[in-house]
């Protein structure tokens, strides 16, 4: 986790906690979605919330496409850069069951499914990452949060976090696909809270 960015998110946390507290009084269980640009601080915000709430955090990064799924047709599809079939079957179909369930992690560095993650039922569940508000399941969320960041700051954060070589892949492949998804489905406009993290400090 980027500690400096996480610390800088503290001024924003009150808005989120206020909405969580209000929703808790109205519902038996809560599902929170945190979507937004790469490098905007989605994982940092989710980890911050763990300090305040007894919750599960499920990462969309664990559901990127396996090599055999990366067809030209699939990558042209808005929101198609995620294994939405597996996410639907392993997570969404089980999330409200009030029973334990498991899902597999896709490790991009190994290009393979690896460990299983066990999810124990809790009142609050957070799904964070790009594509978390895919229209196949965005109806499940009680709270929707979108993080955005200016282009130049985004690229600098990614470069510091992932290195120059990976930055090229973000610029050439992943960021265009993310932006296509955001624009096509108007993700930010669907959210309860939109936070621009451009002014927040990052140490990575």
Protein backbone atom coordinates (compact mmCIF):
# COMPACT_ATOMS: atom_id res chain seq x y z
CA UNK A 1 0.00 0.00 0.00
CA UNK A 2 1.15 3.54 -0.74
CA UNK A 3 1.31 4.92 2.81
CA UNK A 4 1.57 8.56 1.78
CA UNK A 5 -1.45 8.33 -0.53
CA UNK A 6 -3.33 6.37 2.11
CA UNK A 7 -2.58 9.03 4.73
CA UNK A 8 -3.65 11.75 2.29
CA UNK A 9 -7.01 10.03 1.80
CA UNK A 10 -7.91 10.58 5.46
CA UNK A 11 -9.70 13.90 4.76
CA UNK A 12 -11.99 12.00 2.34
CA UNK A 13 -12.73 9.11 4.68
CA UNK A 14 -15.35 10.98 6.71
CA UNK A 15 -17.61 11.34 3.66
CA UNK A 16 -17.43 7.61 3.04
CA UNK A 17 -17.92 6.62 6.69
CA UNK A 18 -20.92 8.93 6.99
CA UNK A 19 -22.56 7.18 4.06
CA UNK A 20 -21.68 3.76 5.46
CA UNK A 21 -23.18 4.64 8.86
CA UNK A 22 -26.36 5.89 7.25
CA UNK A 23 -26.68 2.77 5.10
CA UNK A 24 -25.94 0.45 8.06
CA UNK A 25 -28.99 1.80 9.85
CA UNK A 26 -31.16 0.86 6.89
CA UNK A 27 -29.75 -2.50 5.74
CA UNK A 28 -28.68 -5.81 7.24
CA UNK A 29 -25.66 -6.06 4.94
CA UNK A 30 -23.81 -3.60 2.71
CA UNK A 31 -21.88 -4.00 -0.52
CA UNK A 32 -19.53 -1.14 -1.42
CA UNK A 33 -17.98 -0.68 -4.85
CA UNK A 34 -14.79 1.33 -5.39
CA UNK A 35 -14.07 1.85 -9.07
CA UNK A 36 -11.87 4.35 -10.88
CA UNK A 37 -8.68 5.06 -12.74
CA UNK A 38 -5.47 3.09 -12.31
CA UNK A 39 -3.27 4.87 -9.78
CA UNK A 40 -6.15 6.83 -8.26
CA UNK A 41 -5.95 5.09 -4.87
CA UNK A 42 -8.74 2.49 -4.91
CA UNK A 43 -6.78 -0.15 -3.01
CA UNK A 44 -5.55 2.46 -0.52
CA UNK A 45 -9.10 3.58 0.20
CA UNK A 46 -10.29 -0.01 0.65
CA UNK A 47 -7.45 -0.76 3.08
CA UNK A 48 -8.20 2.42 4.99
CA UNK A 49 -11.82 1.35 5.39
CA UNK A 50 -10.69 -1.97 6.87
CA UNK A 51 -9.32 0.04 9.82
CA UNK A 52 -12.80 1.42 10.51
CA UNK A 53 -15.10 -1.43 9.48
CA UNK A 54 -15.16 -5.18 9.96
CA UNK A 55 -15.37 -6.01 6.29
CA UNK A 56 -14.23 -8.21 3.44
CA UNK A 57 -12.27 -6.69 0.55
CA UNK A 58 -12.40 -8.39 -2.83
CA UNK A 59 -9.97 -7.18 -5.52
CA UNK A 60 -10.96 -7.03 -9.16
CA UNK A 61 -7.27 -7.39 -10.04
CA UNK A 62 -7.73 -11.09 -9.19
CA UNK A 63 -10.12 -11.47 -12.12
CA UNK A 64 -8.25 -10.21 -15.15
CA UNK A 65 -8.52 -12.28 -18.31
CA UNK A 66 -6.49 -15.42 -18.77
CA UNK A 67 -4.44 -15.55 -22.02
CA UNK A 68 -6.94 -17.82 -23.79
CA UNK A 69 -9.70 -15.26 -23.13
CA UNK A 70 -7.88 -12.28 -24.65
CA UNK A 71 -9.44 -12.37 -28.08
CA UNK A 72 -9.71 -9.31 -30.28
CA UNK A 73 -13.50 -9.41 -29.98
CA UNK A 74 -13.36 -9.59 -26.19
CA UNK A 75 -10.95 -6.67 -25.87
CA UNK A 76 -13.14 -4.50 -28.11
CA UNK A 77 -16.04 -5.04 -25.74
CA UNK A 78 -16.50 -2.22 -23.16
CA UNK A 79 -15.64 -3.79 -19.82
CA UNK A 80 -14.40 -6.91 -21.55
CA UNK A 81 -10.91 -6.81 -20.03
CA UNK A 82 -12.16 -8.60 -16.93
CA UNK A 83 -13.25 -12.19 -16.45
CA UNK A 84 -16.81 -11.18 -15.68
CA UNK A 85 -18.09 -14.74 -16.14
CA UNK A 86 -15.84 -16.06 -13.36
CA UNK A 87 -16.45 -13.05 -11.13
CA UNK A 88 -20.20 -13.53 -11.52
CA UNK A 89 -20.08 -17.24 -10.69
CA UNK A 90 -17.44 -17.19 -7.93
CA UNK A 91 -18.27 -13.90 -6.17
CA UNK A 92 -21.54 -12.24 -7.14
CA UNK A 93 -23.62 -15.41 -7.03
CA UNK A 94 -22.34 -16.14 -3.52
CA UNK A 95 -21.93 -12.72 -1.93
CA UNK A 96 -25.43 -12.42 -0.48
CA UNK A 97 -25.78 -16.09 0.47
CA UNK A 98 -24.62 -15.54 4.06
CA UNK A 99 -22.36 -18.58 3.64
CA UNK A 100 -18.62 -18.99 3.27
CA UNK A 101 -17.37 -19.19 -0.29
CA UNK A 102 -14.07 -19.25 -2.17
CA UNK A 103 -12.68 -17.75 -5.34
CA UNK A 104 -9.45 -18.16 -7.29
CA UNK A 105 -6.77 -15.51 -7.75
CA UNK A 106 -5.50 -14.87 -11.25
CA UNK A 107 -1.79 -14.04 -11.02
CA UNK A 108 -0.80 -11.88 -14.01
CA UNK A 109 2.90 -12.55 -13.46
CA UNK A 110 2.28 -16.30 -13.83
CA UNK A 111 -0.57 -16.00 -16.33
CA UNK A 112 -2.45 -18.61 -14.30
CA UNK A 113 -5.08 -19.12 -11.64
CA UNK A 114 -3.30 -19.72 -8.34
CA UNK A 115 -4.47 -19.57 -4.71
CA UNK A 116 -8.00 -19.82 -3.39
CA UNK A 117 -9.36 -17.03 -1.18
CA UNK A 118 -11.95 -17.87 1.47
CA UNK A 119 -14.62 -15.25 2.14
CA UNK A 120 -16.34 -15.43 5.52
CA UNK A 121 -19.73 -13.66 5.73
CA UNK A 122 -19.55 -10.13 7.13
CA UNK A 123 -22.00 -7.26 7.22
CA UNK A 124 -19.83 -5.09 4.98
CA UNK A 125 -18.22 -6.27 1.75
CA UNK A 126 -16.03 -4.05 -0.43
CA UNK A 127 -15.28 -4.77 -4.07
CA UNK A 128 -12.47 -2.57 -5.33
CA UNK A 129 -10.75 -2.12 -8.65
CA UNK A 130 -11.32 -1.11 -12.22
CA UNK A 131 -14.43 -2.82 -13.66
CA UNK A 132 -15.95 -3.36 -10.21
CA UNK A 133 -19.11 -1.57 -11.39
CA UNK A 134 -19.59 -3.59 -14.55
CA UNK A 135 -23.31 -3.38 -15.46
CA UNK A 136 -23.70 -7.14 -15.00
CA UNK A 137 -23.63 -6.62 -11.25
CA UNK A 138 -23.62 -2.91 -10.42
CA UNK A 139 -27.16 -3.32 -9.08
CA UNK A 140 -25.73 -5.20 -6.10
CA UNK A 141 -24.04 -2.13 -4.58
CA UNK A 142 -25.47 -0.11 -1.75
CA UNK A 143 -22.65 2.45 -1.97
CA UNK A 144 -20.75 3.36 -5.14
CA UNK A 145 -17.47 5.29 -5.02
CA UNK A 146 -15.41 6.49 -7.96
CA UNK A 147 -11.80 7.71 -7.73
CA UNK A 148 -10.26 9.78 -10.49
CA UNK A 149 -6.86 11.38 -11.06
CA UNK A 150 -5.36 13.76 -13.62
CA UNK A 151 -3.56 12.07 -16.50
CA UNK A 152 -0.04 13.32 -15.76
CA UNK A 153 -0.27 12.42 -12.08
CA UNK A 154 -1.73 9.01 -12.93
CA UNK A 155 1.19 8.21 -15.22
CA UNK A 156 3.77 9.32 -12.67
CA UNK A 157 2.19 7.19 -9.95
CA UNK A 158 2.09 4.15 -12.23
CA UNK A 159 5.71 4.71 -13.29
CA UNK A 160 6.88 4.89 -9.67
CA UNK A 161 4.75 1.90 -8.66
CA UNK A 162 5.28 -0.40 -11.65
CA UNK A 163 8.35 0.87 -13.51
CA UNK A 164 8.86 2.27 -17.01
CA UNK A 165 8.30 -1.00 -18.86
CA UNK A 166 4.93 -1.67 -17.25
CA UNK A 167 3.97 1.98 -17.70
CA UNK A 168 4.16 1.42 -21.47
CA UNK A 169 1.65 -1.41 -21.19
CA UNK A 170 -0.67 0.74 -19.11
CA UNK A 171 -0.50 3.54 -21.69
CA UNK A 172 -0.80 1.30 -24.75
CA UNK A 173 -3.23 -1.35 -23.48
CA UNK A 174 -4.90 -1.01 -20.11
CA UNK A 175 -5.66 2.68 -19.66
CA UNK A 176 -7.46 2.94 -23.05
CA UNK A 177 -9.60 -0.07 -22.13
CA UNK A 178 -10.39 1.42 -18.72
CA UNK A 179 -11.36 4.76 -20.23
CA UNK A 180 -13.54 3.06 -22.83
CA UNK A 181 -15.39 1.26 -20.02
CA UNK A 182 -15.76 4.43 -17.90
CA UNK A 183 -17.10 6.45 -20.80
CA UNK A 184 -19.34 3.82 -22.38
CA UNK A 185 -21.14 2.94 -19.14
CA UNK A 186 -20.84 6.42 -17.57
CA UNK A 187 -19.44 4.87 -14.40
CA UNK A 188 -18.59 8.07 -12.52
CA UNK A 189 -22.10 9.43 -13.07
CA UNK A 190 -23.58 6.33 -11.42
CA UNK A 191 -21.65 6.83 -8.18
CA UNK A 192 -22.67 8.30 -4.83
CA UNK A 193 -19.23 9.79 -4.23
CA UNK A 194 -16.59 10.92 -6.75
CA UNK A 195 -13.15 11.76 -5.35
CA UNK A 196 -10.37 13.39 -7.38
CA UNK A 197 -7.12 12.27 -5.75
CA UNK A 198 -4.84 14.39 -7.98
CA UNK A 199 -3.87 16.72 -5.14
CA UNK A 200 -3.06 13.86 -2.75
CA UNK A 201 0.53 12.92 -2.11
CA UNK A 202 2.04 9.62 -3.16
CA UNK A 203 5.29 8.03 -2.01
CA UNK A 204 5.49 5.19 -4.55
